[in-house]
N, C-alpha and C. Protein backbone atom coordinates (compact mmCIF):
# COMPACT_ATOMS: atom_id res chain seq x y z
N MET A 1 0.85 -1.20 0.00
CA MET A 1 0.00 0.00 0.00
C MET A 1 0.89 1.25 0.00
N SER A 2 0.71 2.11 -0.98
CA SER A 2 1.53 3.30 -1.08
C SER A 2 1.15 4.32 -0.01
N GLY A 3 2.05 5.24 0.26
CA GLY A 3 1.76 6.26 1.27
C GLY A 3 2.91 7.22 1.44
N LEU A 4 2.70 8.23 2.29
CA LEU A 4 3.70 9.24 2.59
C LEU A 4 3.62 9.63 4.05
N ILE A 5 4.63 10.38 4.50
CA ILE A 5 4.67 10.90 5.87
C ILE A 5 4.21 12.35 5.86
N GLY A 6 3.38 12.72 6.83
CA GLY A 6 2.89 14.09 6.90
C GLY A 6 2.87 14.62 8.32
N LYS A 7 2.45 15.87 8.43
CA LYS A 7 2.33 16.53 9.73
C LYS A 7 0.97 17.23 9.79
N LYS A 8 0.24 16.97 10.87
CA LYS A 8 -1.09 17.55 11.03
C LYS A 8 -0.97 19.05 11.29
N VAL A 9 -1.66 19.86 10.48
CA VAL A 9 -1.64 21.31 10.63
C VAL A 9 -2.83 21.79 11.45
N GLY A 10 -4.01 21.24 11.19
CA GLY A 10 -5.22 21.65 11.89
C GLY A 10 -6.44 21.32 11.06
N MET A 11 -7.59 21.87 11.45
CA MET A 11 -8.83 21.58 10.73
C MET A 11 -9.46 22.87 10.19
N THR A 12 -10.18 22.71 9.09
CA THR A 12 -10.94 23.79 8.50
C THR A 12 -12.12 23.16 7.76
N SER A 13 -12.72 23.86 6.85
CA SER A 13 -13.83 23.29 6.07
C SER A 13 -13.79 23.85 4.66
N VAL A 14 -14.29 23.05 3.72
CA VAL A 14 -14.35 23.46 2.32
C VAL A 14 -15.72 23.09 1.78
N PHE A 15 -16.11 23.68 0.65
CA PHE A 15 -17.36 23.34 0.00
C PHE A 15 -17.10 22.30 -1.09
N ASP A 16 -17.93 21.24 -1.10
CA ASP A 16 -17.77 20.22 -2.14
C ASP A 16 -18.54 20.62 -3.39
N ASN A 17 -18.59 19.72 -4.37
CA ASN A 17 -19.25 20.03 -5.65
C ASN A 17 -20.75 20.20 -5.52
N ASN A 18 -21.33 19.68 -4.42
CA ASN A 18 -22.77 19.82 -4.19
C ASN A 18 -23.11 21.01 -3.31
N GLY A 19 -22.12 21.83 -2.99
CA GLY A 19 -22.37 23.01 -2.19
C GLY A 19 -22.43 22.74 -0.69
N ARG A 20 -22.07 21.53 -0.27
CA ARG A 20 -22.08 21.21 1.15
C ARG A 20 -20.77 21.61 1.80
N ASN A 21 -20.87 22.11 3.03
CA ASN A 21 -19.68 22.49 3.78
C ASN A 21 -19.12 21.25 4.48
N VAL A 22 -17.92 20.84 4.10
CA VAL A 22 -17.33 19.58 4.57
C VAL A 22 -16.14 19.88 5.47
N PRO A 23 -16.12 19.35 6.72
CA PRO A 23 -14.95 19.54 7.58
C PRO A 23 -13.77 18.72 7.06
N VAL A 24 -12.59 19.33 7.05
CA VAL A 24 -11.39 18.65 6.55
C VAL A 24 -10.22 18.91 7.49
N THR A 25 -9.26 18.01 7.44
CA THR A 25 -8.00 18.17 8.17
C THR A 25 -6.90 18.53 7.18
N VAL A 26 -6.13 19.53 7.52
CA VAL A 26 -5.02 19.97 6.67
C VAL A 26 -3.75 19.22 7.10
N ILE A 27 -3.12 18.54 6.15
CA ILE A 27 -1.90 17.78 6.43
C ILE A 27 -0.78 18.31 5.54
N GLU A 28 0.33 18.68 6.18
CA GLU A 28 1.50 19.11 5.42
C GLU A 28 2.34 17.88 5.06
N ILE A 29 2.65 17.75 3.77
CA ILE A 29 3.42 16.60 3.30
C ILE A 29 4.62 17.12 2.51
N GLU A 30 5.76 17.18 3.18
CA GLU A 30 6.98 17.56 2.48
C GLU A 30 7.47 16.38 1.64
N PRO A 31 8.29 16.65 0.61
CA PRO A 31 8.84 15.54 -0.19
C PRO A 31 9.54 14.51 0.70
N CYS A 32 9.19 13.25 0.51
CA CYS A 32 9.74 12.16 1.32
C CYS A 32 10.88 11.48 0.57
N SER A 33 12.03 11.34 1.23
CA SER A 33 13.20 10.70 0.62
C SER A 33 13.15 9.19 0.80
N ILE A 34 13.53 8.46 -0.22
CA ILE A 34 13.61 7.00 -0.14
C ILE A 34 14.96 6.63 0.48
N THR A 35 14.93 6.02 1.64
CA THR A 35 16.17 5.67 2.34
C THR A 35 16.51 4.18 2.22
N GLN A 36 15.54 3.36 1.84
CA GLN A 36 15.81 1.93 1.67
C GLN A 36 14.68 1.29 0.90
N ILE A 37 15.00 0.35 0.04
CA ILE A 37 14.01 -0.43 -0.69
C ILE A 37 14.24 -1.90 -0.35
N LYS A 38 13.22 -2.54 0.21
CA LYS A 38 13.33 -3.94 0.62
C LYS A 38 12.61 -4.83 -0.39
N THR A 39 13.21 -5.97 -0.68
CA THR A 39 12.65 -6.90 -1.66
C THR A 39 12.55 -8.29 -1.06
N GLU A 40 11.83 -9.16 -1.76
CA GLU A 40 11.68 -10.55 -1.32
C GLU A 40 13.04 -11.25 -1.26
N GLU A 41 13.91 -10.95 -2.20
CA GLU A 41 15.20 -11.63 -2.29
C GLU A 41 16.11 -11.28 -1.10
N THR A 42 16.11 -10.01 -0.71
CA THR A 42 17.05 -9.57 0.32
C THR A 42 16.47 -9.55 1.72
N ASP A 43 15.15 -9.29 1.84
CA ASP A 43 14.54 -9.10 3.16
C ASP A 43 13.35 -10.02 3.43
N GLY A 44 12.89 -10.74 2.43
CA GLY A 44 11.77 -11.64 2.64
C GLY A 44 10.41 -10.99 2.43
N TYR A 45 10.38 -9.70 2.17
CA TYR A 45 9.12 -8.99 1.88
C TYR A 45 9.46 -7.72 1.12
N THR A 46 8.44 -7.14 0.49
CA THR A 46 8.65 -5.91 -0.28
C THR A 46 8.15 -4.71 0.51
N ALA A 47 8.94 -3.65 0.51
CA ALA A 47 8.57 -2.43 1.22
C ALA A 47 9.51 -1.32 0.80
N VAL A 48 9.07 -0.09 1.04
CA VAL A 48 9.93 1.06 0.83
C VAL A 48 10.00 1.83 2.14
N GLN A 49 11.20 2.27 2.50
CA GLN A 49 11.39 3.05 3.71
C GLN A 49 11.54 4.51 3.32
N LEU A 50 10.65 5.35 3.87
CA LEU A 50 10.66 6.78 3.56
C LEU A 50 11.06 7.58 4.79
N ALA A 51 11.70 8.71 4.56
CA ALA A 51 12.10 9.61 5.65
C ALA A 51 11.73 11.03 5.27
N SER A 52 11.33 11.82 6.28
CA SER A 52 10.91 13.19 5.99
C SER A 52 11.14 14.09 7.19
N TYR A 53 11.19 15.38 6.92
CA TYR A 53 11.38 16.45 7.90
C TYR A 53 12.80 16.45 8.48
N ASP A 54 13.59 17.41 8.00
CA ASP A 54 15.00 17.51 8.36
C ASP A 54 15.19 17.73 9.85
N ARG A 55 16.29 17.17 10.37
CA ARG A 55 16.69 17.42 11.74
C ARG A 55 18.20 17.60 11.79
N SER A 56 18.68 18.15 12.89
CA SER A 56 20.11 18.42 13.02
C SER A 56 20.90 17.13 13.13
N GLU A 57 22.05 17.10 12.49
CA GLU A 57 22.88 15.90 12.50
C GLU A 57 23.39 15.57 13.90
N LYS A 58 23.59 16.61 14.73
CA LYS A 58 24.10 16.38 16.08
C LYS A 58 23.09 15.67 16.98
N ASN A 59 21.81 15.65 16.57
CA ASN A 59 20.77 15.00 17.37
C ASN A 59 20.46 13.59 16.88
N VAL A 60 21.30 13.07 15.99
CA VAL A 60 21.09 11.74 15.42
C VAL A 60 22.29 10.88 15.80
N SER A 61 22.05 9.63 16.20
CA SER A 61 23.14 8.73 16.56
C SER A 61 24.00 8.43 15.33
N LYS A 62 25.23 8.00 15.57
CA LYS A 62 26.14 7.71 14.47
C LYS A 62 25.61 6.58 13.58
N ALA A 63 25.00 5.58 14.20
CA ALA A 63 24.47 4.46 13.42
C ALA A 63 23.35 4.92 12.49
N VAL A 64 22.42 5.71 13.03
CA VAL A 64 21.30 6.19 12.22
C VAL A 64 21.81 7.17 11.16
N ASN A 65 22.76 8.03 11.54
CA ASN A 65 23.30 8.98 10.58
C ASN A 65 24.01 8.26 9.44
N GLY A 66 24.66 7.13 9.76
CA GLY A 66 25.30 6.33 8.73
C GLY A 66 24.29 5.76 7.74
N HIS A 67 23.12 5.40 8.25
CA HIS A 67 22.06 4.89 7.37
C HIS A 67 21.61 5.98 6.40
N PHE A 68 21.47 7.21 6.89
CA PHE A 68 21.07 8.31 6.02
C PHE A 68 22.17 8.63 5.01
N GLU A 69 23.43 8.60 5.45
CA GLU A 69 24.54 8.89 4.54
C GLU A 69 24.61 7.85 3.42
N LYS A 70 24.34 6.60 3.76
CA LYS A 70 24.37 5.54 2.76
C LYS A 70 23.30 5.77 1.69
N ALA A 71 22.17 6.33 2.13
CA ALA A 71 21.08 6.61 1.19
C ALA A 71 21.29 7.93 0.46
N GLY A 72 22.24 8.73 0.94
CA GLY A 72 22.52 10.00 0.28
C GLY A 72 21.52 11.09 0.61
N VAL A 73 20.93 11.04 1.82
CA VAL A 73 19.97 12.06 2.24
C VAL A 73 20.41 12.63 3.58
N SER A 74 19.89 13.82 3.90
CA SER A 74 20.20 14.44 5.19
C SER A 74 19.39 13.76 6.29
N PRO A 75 19.82 13.88 7.56
CA PRO A 75 19.08 13.25 8.67
C PRO A 75 17.63 13.76 8.74
N LYS A 76 16.72 12.86 9.10
CA LYS A 76 15.30 13.19 9.15
C LYS A 76 14.71 12.82 10.51
N TYR A 77 13.59 13.47 10.81
CA TYR A 77 12.87 13.18 12.05
C TYR A 77 12.12 11.85 11.96
N GLN A 78 11.38 11.67 10.88
CA GLN A 78 10.48 10.53 10.77
C GLN A 78 10.98 9.55 9.71
N VAL A 79 11.02 8.28 10.08
CA VAL A 79 11.35 7.20 9.16
C VAL A 79 10.25 6.16 9.26
N VAL A 80 9.57 5.90 8.15
CA VAL A 80 8.41 5.00 8.14
C VAL A 80 8.55 4.02 6.98
N GLU A 81 8.15 2.79 7.24
CA GLU A 81 8.20 1.74 6.22
C GLU A 81 6.80 1.47 5.71
N PHE A 82 6.63 1.45 4.40
CA PHE A 82 5.35 1.15 3.78
C PHE A 82 5.46 -0.19 3.07
N ARG A 83 4.71 -1.18 3.57
CA ARG A 83 4.78 -2.53 3.03
C ARG A 83 4.13 -2.62 1.65
N ASP A 84 4.64 -3.56 0.85
CA ASP A 84 4.09 -3.87 -0.47
C ASP A 84 4.00 -2.64 -1.36
N PHE A 85 5.01 -1.78 -1.28
CA PHE A 85 5.03 -0.56 -2.07
C PHE A 85 6.43 -0.37 -2.62
N ILE A 86 6.57 -0.59 -3.93
CA ILE A 86 7.85 -0.37 -4.60
C ILE A 86 7.63 0.69 -5.68
N PRO A 87 8.11 1.91 -5.47
CA PRO A 87 7.92 2.97 -6.47
C PRO A 87 8.72 2.69 -7.74
N GLU A 88 8.02 2.55 -8.84
CA GLU A 88 8.69 2.21 -10.11
C GLU A 88 9.49 3.40 -10.63
N GLY A 89 10.67 3.09 -11.15
CA GLY A 89 11.50 4.12 -11.76
C GLY A 89 12.26 4.97 -10.78
N LEU A 90 12.15 4.69 -9.47
CA LEU A 90 12.84 5.47 -8.46
C LEU A 90 13.79 4.58 -7.68
N ASP A 91 14.83 5.20 -7.13
CA ASP A 91 15.83 4.44 -6.39
C ASP A 91 16.11 5.14 -5.07
N VAL A 92 16.96 4.52 -4.25
CA VAL A 92 17.32 5.10 -2.96
C VAL A 92 17.93 6.48 -3.17
N GLY A 93 17.46 7.44 -2.38
CA GLY A 93 17.92 8.82 -2.50
C GLY A 93 16.96 9.71 -3.25
N ASP A 94 16.04 9.12 -4.05
CA ASP A 94 15.05 9.91 -4.77
C ASP A 94 13.94 10.36 -3.82
N GLU A 95 13.11 11.31 -4.28
CA GLU A 95 12.04 11.86 -3.45
C GLU A 95 10.67 11.58 -4.07
N LEU A 96 9.70 11.44 -3.18
CA LEU A 96 8.30 11.29 -3.57
C LEU A 96 7.53 12.51 -3.08
N THR A 97 6.69 13.09 -3.94
CA THR A 97 5.87 14.24 -3.57
C THR A 97 4.40 13.82 -3.48
N ILE A 98 3.56 14.77 -3.09
CA ILE A 98 2.12 14.47 -2.93
C ILE A 98 1.53 13.93 -4.23
N SER A 99 1.80 14.61 -5.34
CA SER A 99 1.18 14.22 -6.62
C SER A 99 1.67 12.88 -7.12
N ASP A 100 2.82 12.41 -6.62
CA ASP A 100 3.32 11.10 -7.04
C ASP A 100 2.48 9.96 -6.47
N VAL A 101 1.85 10.20 -5.34
CA VAL A 101 1.16 9.12 -4.63
C VAL A 101 -0.35 9.35 -4.52
N PHE A 102 -0.76 10.62 -4.36
CA PHE A 102 -2.17 10.91 -4.11
C PHE A 102 -2.77 11.77 -5.21
N SER A 103 -4.09 11.65 -5.34
CA SER A 103 -4.87 12.52 -6.21
C SER A 103 -6.23 12.76 -5.57
N VAL A 104 -6.89 13.82 -5.97
CA VAL A 104 -8.18 14.17 -5.38
C VAL A 104 -9.18 13.03 -5.60
N GLY A 105 -9.89 12.66 -4.54
CA GLY A 105 -10.87 11.58 -4.61
C GLY A 105 -10.35 10.25 -4.09
N ASP A 106 -9.05 10.13 -3.85
CA ASP A 106 -8.49 8.88 -3.32
C ASP A 106 -9.00 8.62 -1.90
N THR A 107 -9.09 7.35 -1.55
CA THR A 107 -9.45 6.94 -0.20
C THR A 107 -8.18 6.60 0.56
N VAL A 108 -8.03 7.17 1.76
CA VAL A 108 -6.80 7.01 2.52
C VAL A 108 -7.10 6.60 3.96
N ASP A 109 -6.13 5.93 4.58
CA ASP A 109 -6.12 5.68 6.02
C ASP A 109 -5.02 6.54 6.62
N VAL A 110 -5.31 7.18 7.76
CA VAL A 110 -4.33 8.04 8.41
C VAL A 110 -4.01 7.47 9.78
N VAL A 111 -2.72 7.28 10.06
CA VAL A 111 -2.26 6.71 11.33
C VAL A 111 -1.48 7.78 12.09
N GLY A 112 -1.82 7.94 13.36
CA GLY A 112 -1.12 8.91 14.19
C GLY A 112 -1.17 8.48 15.65
N THR A 113 -0.53 9.27 16.51
CA THR A 113 -0.53 9.02 17.95
C THR A 113 -1.53 9.96 18.60
N SER A 114 -2.52 9.39 19.29
CA SER A 114 -3.58 10.21 19.89
C SER A 114 -3.04 11.06 21.02
N LYS A 115 -3.76 12.11 21.36
CA LYS A 115 -3.36 12.99 22.44
C LYS A 115 -3.34 12.23 23.76
N GLY A 116 -2.30 12.42 24.54
CA GLY A 116 -2.23 11.78 25.85
C GLY A 116 -3.09 12.52 26.87
N ARG A 117 -3.89 11.79 27.62
CA ARG A 117 -4.80 12.39 28.61
C ARG A 117 -4.35 12.13 30.04
N GLY A 118 -3.24 11.39 30.19
CA GLY A 118 -2.78 11.09 31.54
C GLY A 118 -3.67 10.04 32.21
N PHE A 119 -3.66 10.04 33.55
CA PHE A 119 -4.49 9.10 34.31
C PHE A 119 -5.90 9.67 34.41
N THR A 120 -6.87 8.99 33.82
CA THR A 120 -8.25 9.49 33.79
C THR A 120 -9.20 8.48 34.41
N GLY A 121 -10.36 8.97 34.79
CA GLY A 121 -11.38 8.11 35.38
C GLY A 121 -12.21 7.41 34.33
N VAL A 122 -13.17 6.62 34.78
CA VAL A 122 -13.95 5.79 33.85
C VAL A 122 -14.90 6.62 32.98
N VAL A 123 -15.33 7.79 33.48
CA VAL A 123 -16.24 8.62 32.69
C VAL A 123 -15.52 9.16 31.46
N LYS A 124 -14.31 9.66 31.63
CA LYS A 124 -13.56 10.21 30.51
C LYS A 124 -12.93 9.10 29.65
N ARG A 125 -12.48 8.05 30.31
CA ARG A 125 -11.74 7.00 29.60
C ARG A 125 -12.66 6.04 28.85
N HIS A 126 -13.79 5.67 29.46
CA HIS A 126 -14.67 4.65 28.86
C HIS A 126 -16.10 5.14 28.62
N ASN A 127 -16.31 6.45 28.80
CA ASN A 127 -17.64 7.04 28.56
C ASN A 127 -18.71 6.49 29.52
N PHE A 128 -18.31 6.13 30.74
CA PHE A 128 -19.31 5.75 31.74
C PHE A 128 -20.19 6.96 32.04
N SER A 129 -21.42 6.70 32.46
CA SER A 129 -22.35 7.80 32.76
C SER A 129 -22.29 8.21 34.22
N GLY A 130 -21.65 7.39 35.08
CA GLY A 130 -21.65 7.70 36.51
C GLY A 130 -22.97 7.32 37.15
N VAL A 131 -23.15 7.75 38.39
CA VAL A 131 -24.38 7.41 39.12
C VAL A 131 -25.59 8.07 38.48
N GLY A 132 -25.47 9.32 38.09
CA GLY A 132 -26.56 9.97 37.39
C GLY A 132 -27.39 10.91 38.23
N ASP A 133 -27.50 10.67 39.52
CA ASP A 133 -28.23 11.60 40.38
C ASP A 133 -27.71 11.44 41.81
N ALA A 134 -28.18 12.31 42.68
CA ALA A 134 -27.66 12.34 44.06
C ALA A 134 -28.69 11.83 45.06
N THR A 135 -29.70 11.11 44.62
CA THR A 135 -30.74 10.63 45.53
C THR A 135 -30.32 9.32 46.20
N HIS A 136 -31.13 8.86 47.12
CA HIS A 136 -30.93 7.57 47.80
C HIS A 136 -29.57 7.49 48.49
N GLY A 137 -29.17 8.57 49.10
CA GLY A 137 -27.98 8.52 49.92
C GLY A 137 -26.67 8.60 49.17
N GLN A 138 -26.70 8.87 47.86
CA GLN A 138 -25.46 8.98 47.10
C GLN A 138 -24.71 10.24 47.51
N HIS A 139 -23.39 10.14 47.61
CA HIS A 139 -22.59 11.29 47.99
C HIS A 139 -21.22 11.18 47.31
N ASN A 140 -20.90 12.20 46.51
CA ASN A 140 -19.63 12.24 45.79
C ASN A 140 -19.41 10.97 44.95
N ARG A 141 -20.46 10.53 44.31
CA ARG A 141 -20.36 9.29 43.51
C ARG A 141 -20.72 9.54 42.05
N MET A 142 -20.74 10.81 41.62
CA MET A 142 -21.24 11.12 40.29
C MET A 142 -20.40 10.49 39.17
N ARG A 143 -19.09 10.36 39.40
CA ARG A 143 -18.20 9.83 38.37
C ARG A 143 -17.52 8.54 38.82
N ALA A 144 -18.14 7.83 39.72
CA ALA A 144 -17.56 6.59 40.25
C ALA A 144 -17.80 5.42 39.29
N PRO A 145 -16.94 4.41 39.29
CA PRO A 145 -17.09 3.29 38.36
C PRO A 145 -18.16 2.29 38.77
N GLY A 146 -18.54 2.27 40.04
CA GLY A 146 -19.47 1.26 40.51
C GLY A 146 -18.74 -0.01 40.92
N ALA A 147 -19.49 -1.08 41.17
CA ALA A 147 -18.88 -2.32 41.63
C ALA A 147 -18.04 -2.96 40.54
N ILE A 148 -16.92 -3.56 40.92
CA ILE A 148 -16.05 -4.23 39.96
C ILE A 148 -15.84 -5.70 40.29
N GLY A 149 -16.22 -6.13 41.49
CA GLY A 149 -15.96 -7.49 41.91
C GLY A 149 -17.09 -8.45 41.57
N ASN A 150 -16.92 -9.70 41.98
CA ASN A 150 -17.91 -10.74 41.75
C ASN A 150 -18.26 -11.41 43.08
N ALA A 151 -19.15 -12.35 43.03
CA ALA A 151 -19.54 -13.09 44.23
C ALA A 151 -18.40 -14.03 44.64
N SER A 152 -18.67 -14.87 45.64
CA SER A 152 -17.61 -15.77 46.13
C SER A 152 -17.11 -16.71 45.03
N ASP A 153 -17.90 -16.87 44.00
CA ASP A 153 -17.45 -17.61 42.83
C ASP A 153 -17.61 -16.69 41.62
N PRO A 154 -16.56 -16.21 40.99
CA PRO A 154 -15.17 -16.67 41.00
C PRO A 154 -14.26 -15.93 41.98
N SER A 155 -14.77 -15.01 42.76
CA SER A 155 -13.97 -14.33 43.79
C SER A 155 -12.76 -13.59 43.21
N LYS A 156 -12.95 -12.96 42.09
CA LYS A 156 -11.85 -12.18 41.51
C LYS A 156 -12.41 -11.16 40.54
N VAL A 157 -11.56 -10.21 40.16
CA VAL A 157 -11.90 -9.23 39.14
C VAL A 157 -11.29 -9.72 37.82
N PHE A 158 -12.11 -9.87 36.81
CA PHE A 158 -11.63 -10.41 35.54
C PHE A 158 -10.69 -9.43 34.84
N LYS A 159 -9.72 -9.96 34.12
CA LYS A 159 -8.84 -9.13 33.32
C LYS A 159 -9.64 -8.40 32.25
N GLY A 160 -9.22 -7.17 31.97
CA GLY A 160 -9.91 -6.38 30.96
C GLY A 160 -11.04 -5.55 31.51
N MET A 161 -11.28 -5.60 32.81
CA MET A 161 -12.34 -4.78 33.41
C MET A 161 -12.06 -3.31 33.12
N ARG A 162 -13.07 -2.60 32.65
CA ARG A 162 -12.89 -1.19 32.32
C ARG A 162 -12.82 -0.37 33.60
N MET A 163 -11.65 0.18 33.86
CA MET A 163 -11.42 0.94 35.08
C MET A 163 -10.62 2.20 34.73
N ALA A 164 -10.31 3.01 35.74
CA ALA A 164 -9.51 4.20 35.54
C ALA A 164 -8.09 3.81 35.16
N GLY A 165 -7.39 4.69 34.46
CA GLY A 165 -6.01 4.40 34.08
C GLY A 165 -5.51 5.34 33.00
N GLN A 166 -4.37 4.99 32.44
CA GLN A 166 -3.76 5.80 31.39
C GLN A 166 -4.68 5.86 30.17
N SER A 167 -4.88 7.08 29.67
CA SER A 167 -5.77 7.28 28.53
C SER A 167 -5.04 8.04 27.43
N GLY A 168 -5.24 7.64 26.19
CA GLY A 168 -4.63 8.32 25.06
C GLY A 168 -3.19 7.91 24.85
N ASN A 169 -2.47 8.71 24.06
CA ASN A 169 -1.06 8.44 23.72
C ASN A 169 -0.90 7.04 23.13
N GLU A 170 -1.80 6.69 22.21
CA GLU A 170 -1.78 5.38 21.57
C GLU A 170 -1.78 5.55 20.05
N ARG A 171 -1.29 4.54 19.36
CA ARG A 171 -1.30 4.54 17.91
C ARG A 171 -2.73 4.30 17.43
N VAL A 172 -3.26 5.23 16.65
CA VAL A 172 -4.66 5.18 16.20
C VAL A 172 -4.71 5.31 14.69
N LYS A 173 -5.54 4.48 14.07
CA LYS A 173 -5.75 4.57 12.62
C LYS A 173 -7.18 5.01 12.34
N THR A 174 -7.32 6.09 11.56
CA THR A 174 -8.63 6.54 11.10
C THR A 174 -8.78 6.09 9.64
N LYS A 175 -9.82 5.30 9.38
CA LYS A 175 -9.94 4.65 8.07
C LYS A 175 -10.90 5.40 7.14
N ASN A 176 -10.67 5.17 5.85
CA ASN A 176 -11.58 5.55 4.78
C ASN A 176 -11.91 7.05 4.75
N LEU A 177 -10.86 7.88 4.83
CA LEU A 177 -11.02 9.31 4.59
C LEU A 177 -10.78 9.58 3.11
N ASN A 178 -11.35 10.67 2.62
CA ASN A 178 -11.20 11.01 1.21
C ASN A 178 -10.32 12.25 1.04
N VAL A 179 -9.52 12.24 -0.02
CA VAL A 179 -8.70 13.40 -0.34
C VAL A 179 -9.60 14.45 -0.99
N ALA A 180 -9.80 15.57 -0.28
CA ALA A 180 -10.71 16.61 -0.78
C ALA A 180 -10.00 17.60 -1.68
N LYS A 181 -8.73 17.89 -1.39
CA LYS A 181 -8.03 18.91 -2.15
C LYS A 181 -6.53 18.74 -1.96
N ILE A 182 -5.76 19.08 -2.98
CA ILE A 182 -4.29 19.03 -2.90
C ILE A 182 -3.74 20.39 -3.32
N LEU A 183 -2.94 20.98 -2.44
CA LEU A 183 -2.27 22.25 -2.74
C LEU A 183 -0.77 21.95 -2.85
N GLU A 184 -0.36 21.53 -4.03
CA GLU A 184 1.00 21.02 -4.20
C GLU A 184 2.05 22.10 -3.97
N ASP A 185 1.75 23.35 -4.38
CA ASP A 185 2.72 24.43 -4.21
C ASP A 185 3.03 24.69 -2.74
N SER A 186 2.06 24.40 -1.86
CA SER A 186 2.24 24.62 -0.42
C SER A 186 2.53 23.33 0.33
N ASN A 187 2.65 22.20 -0.39
CA ASN A 187 2.86 20.89 0.23
C ASN A 187 1.75 20.53 1.21
N LEU A 188 0.51 20.85 0.84
CA LEU A 188 -0.63 20.60 1.72
C LEU A 188 -1.64 19.69 1.05
N MET A 189 -2.26 18.82 1.85
CA MET A 189 -3.35 17.97 1.39
C MET A 189 -4.49 18.04 2.38
N LEU A 190 -5.72 18.15 1.89
CA LEU A 190 -6.90 18.24 2.74
C LEU A 190 -7.66 16.92 2.64
N VAL A 191 -7.91 16.29 3.79
CA VAL A 191 -8.67 15.05 3.83
C VAL A 191 -9.93 15.25 4.66
N THR A 192 -11.00 14.59 4.28
CA THR A 192 -12.27 14.75 4.96
C THR A 192 -12.21 14.14 6.36
N GLY A 193 -12.81 14.83 7.33
CA GLY A 193 -12.92 14.29 8.67
C GLY A 193 -11.70 14.53 9.52
N PRO A 194 -11.75 14.02 10.77
CA PRO A 194 -10.66 14.26 11.73
C PRO A 194 -9.52 13.26 11.57
N VAL A 195 -8.36 13.65 12.09
CA VAL A 195 -7.14 12.84 12.05
C VAL A 195 -6.59 12.76 13.46
N PRO A 196 -6.13 11.58 13.91
CA PRO A 196 -5.63 11.46 15.29
C PRO A 196 -4.40 12.30 15.55
N GLY A 197 -4.26 12.74 16.81
CA GLY A 197 -3.07 13.46 17.22
C GLY A 197 -3.28 14.95 17.35
N PRO A 198 -2.32 15.64 17.96
CA PRO A 198 -2.39 17.10 18.13
C PRO A 198 -1.91 17.83 16.89
N LYS A 199 -2.10 19.13 16.86
CA LYS A 199 -1.53 19.94 15.79
C LYS A 199 -0.01 19.84 15.85
N GLY A 200 0.61 19.63 14.71
CA GLY A 200 2.05 19.46 14.66
C GLY A 200 2.50 18.03 14.84
N GLY A 201 1.54 17.11 15.06
CA GLY A 201 1.89 15.70 15.22
C GLY A 201 2.13 15.03 13.88
N PHE A 202 3.08 14.09 13.85
CA PHE A 202 3.39 13.37 12.62
C PHE A 202 2.34 12.28 12.38
N VAL A 203 2.03 12.07 11.11
CA VAL A 203 1.05 11.04 10.73
C VAL A 203 1.56 10.29 9.51
N GLU A 204 1.02 9.09 9.33
CA GLU A 204 1.27 8.30 8.13
C GLU A 204 -0.02 8.28 7.31
N ILE A 205 0.09 8.56 6.01
CA ILE A 205 -1.08 8.54 5.14
C ILE A 205 -0.92 7.39 4.16
N HIS A 206 -1.83 6.40 4.25
CA HIS A 206 -1.78 5.23 3.39
C HIS A 206 -2.86 5.34 2.31
N ASN A 207 -2.47 5.24 1.07
CA ASN A 207 -3.40 5.34 -0.05
C ASN A 207 -4.01 3.97 -0.33
N LYS A 208 -5.34 3.86 -0.22
CA LYS A 208 -6.03 2.58 -0.46
C LYS A 208 -6.56 2.47 -1.88
N THR A 209 -6.49 3.58 -2.63
CA THR A 209 -7.15 3.61 -3.93
C THR A 209 -6.24 3.26 -5.08
N SER A 210 -5.11 3.94 -5.15
CA SER A 210 -4.27 3.80 -6.34
C SER A 210 -2.82 3.57 -5.94
N VAL A 211 -2.04 3.13 -6.93
CA VAL A 211 -0.61 2.99 -6.74
C VAL A 211 0.06 4.26 -7.23
N ILE A 212 1.39 4.30 -7.19
CA ILE A 212 2.12 5.51 -7.57
C ILE A 212 1.82 5.87 -9.01
N ASN A 213 1.63 7.19 -9.24
CA ASN A 213 1.27 7.65 -10.58
C ASN A 213 2.48 7.60 -11.51
């Protein structure tokens, strides 16, 4: 599946061909450098490794910097592997742009890291409703989880019980978004609907519709 690395800019809205106002997410996609091409013969599977967004050489380990030097590209922040994607006519060190992989109307999946919420209760984490009212002697129980245990048999709390804990900061994939608009001069692509992560967060955009143009 072909794809590129991007950075979430924020959300806005555009009008479609039917005059409807459609919410979209703006994603900045700088040209992605090919740092490695994997094949069945050498690695047991086919994939292309892309890197994007420059970073200072002093902030990269010698081993990683050597990998970039071998590919003939400057050090990058993000390195992502896209399985079953071999760009025809391109080799290590070449670049892929938005128009090489995407076009308006394509269906894409966007993968990002969701916002971290820290330690949260069951109402925020699992959408529990809480007690709901303060009658019948309830006190400070509006956002409580309720009973979690069982009777003497099995006398334990089952694994997977929805309780308070760490929320967010997880890898999330939003599926079946559509490419609404491409602004190639500004390295921007607009996709319908929301995208996981905060503004400025890195994302992977996987094209489900077409292969490289």
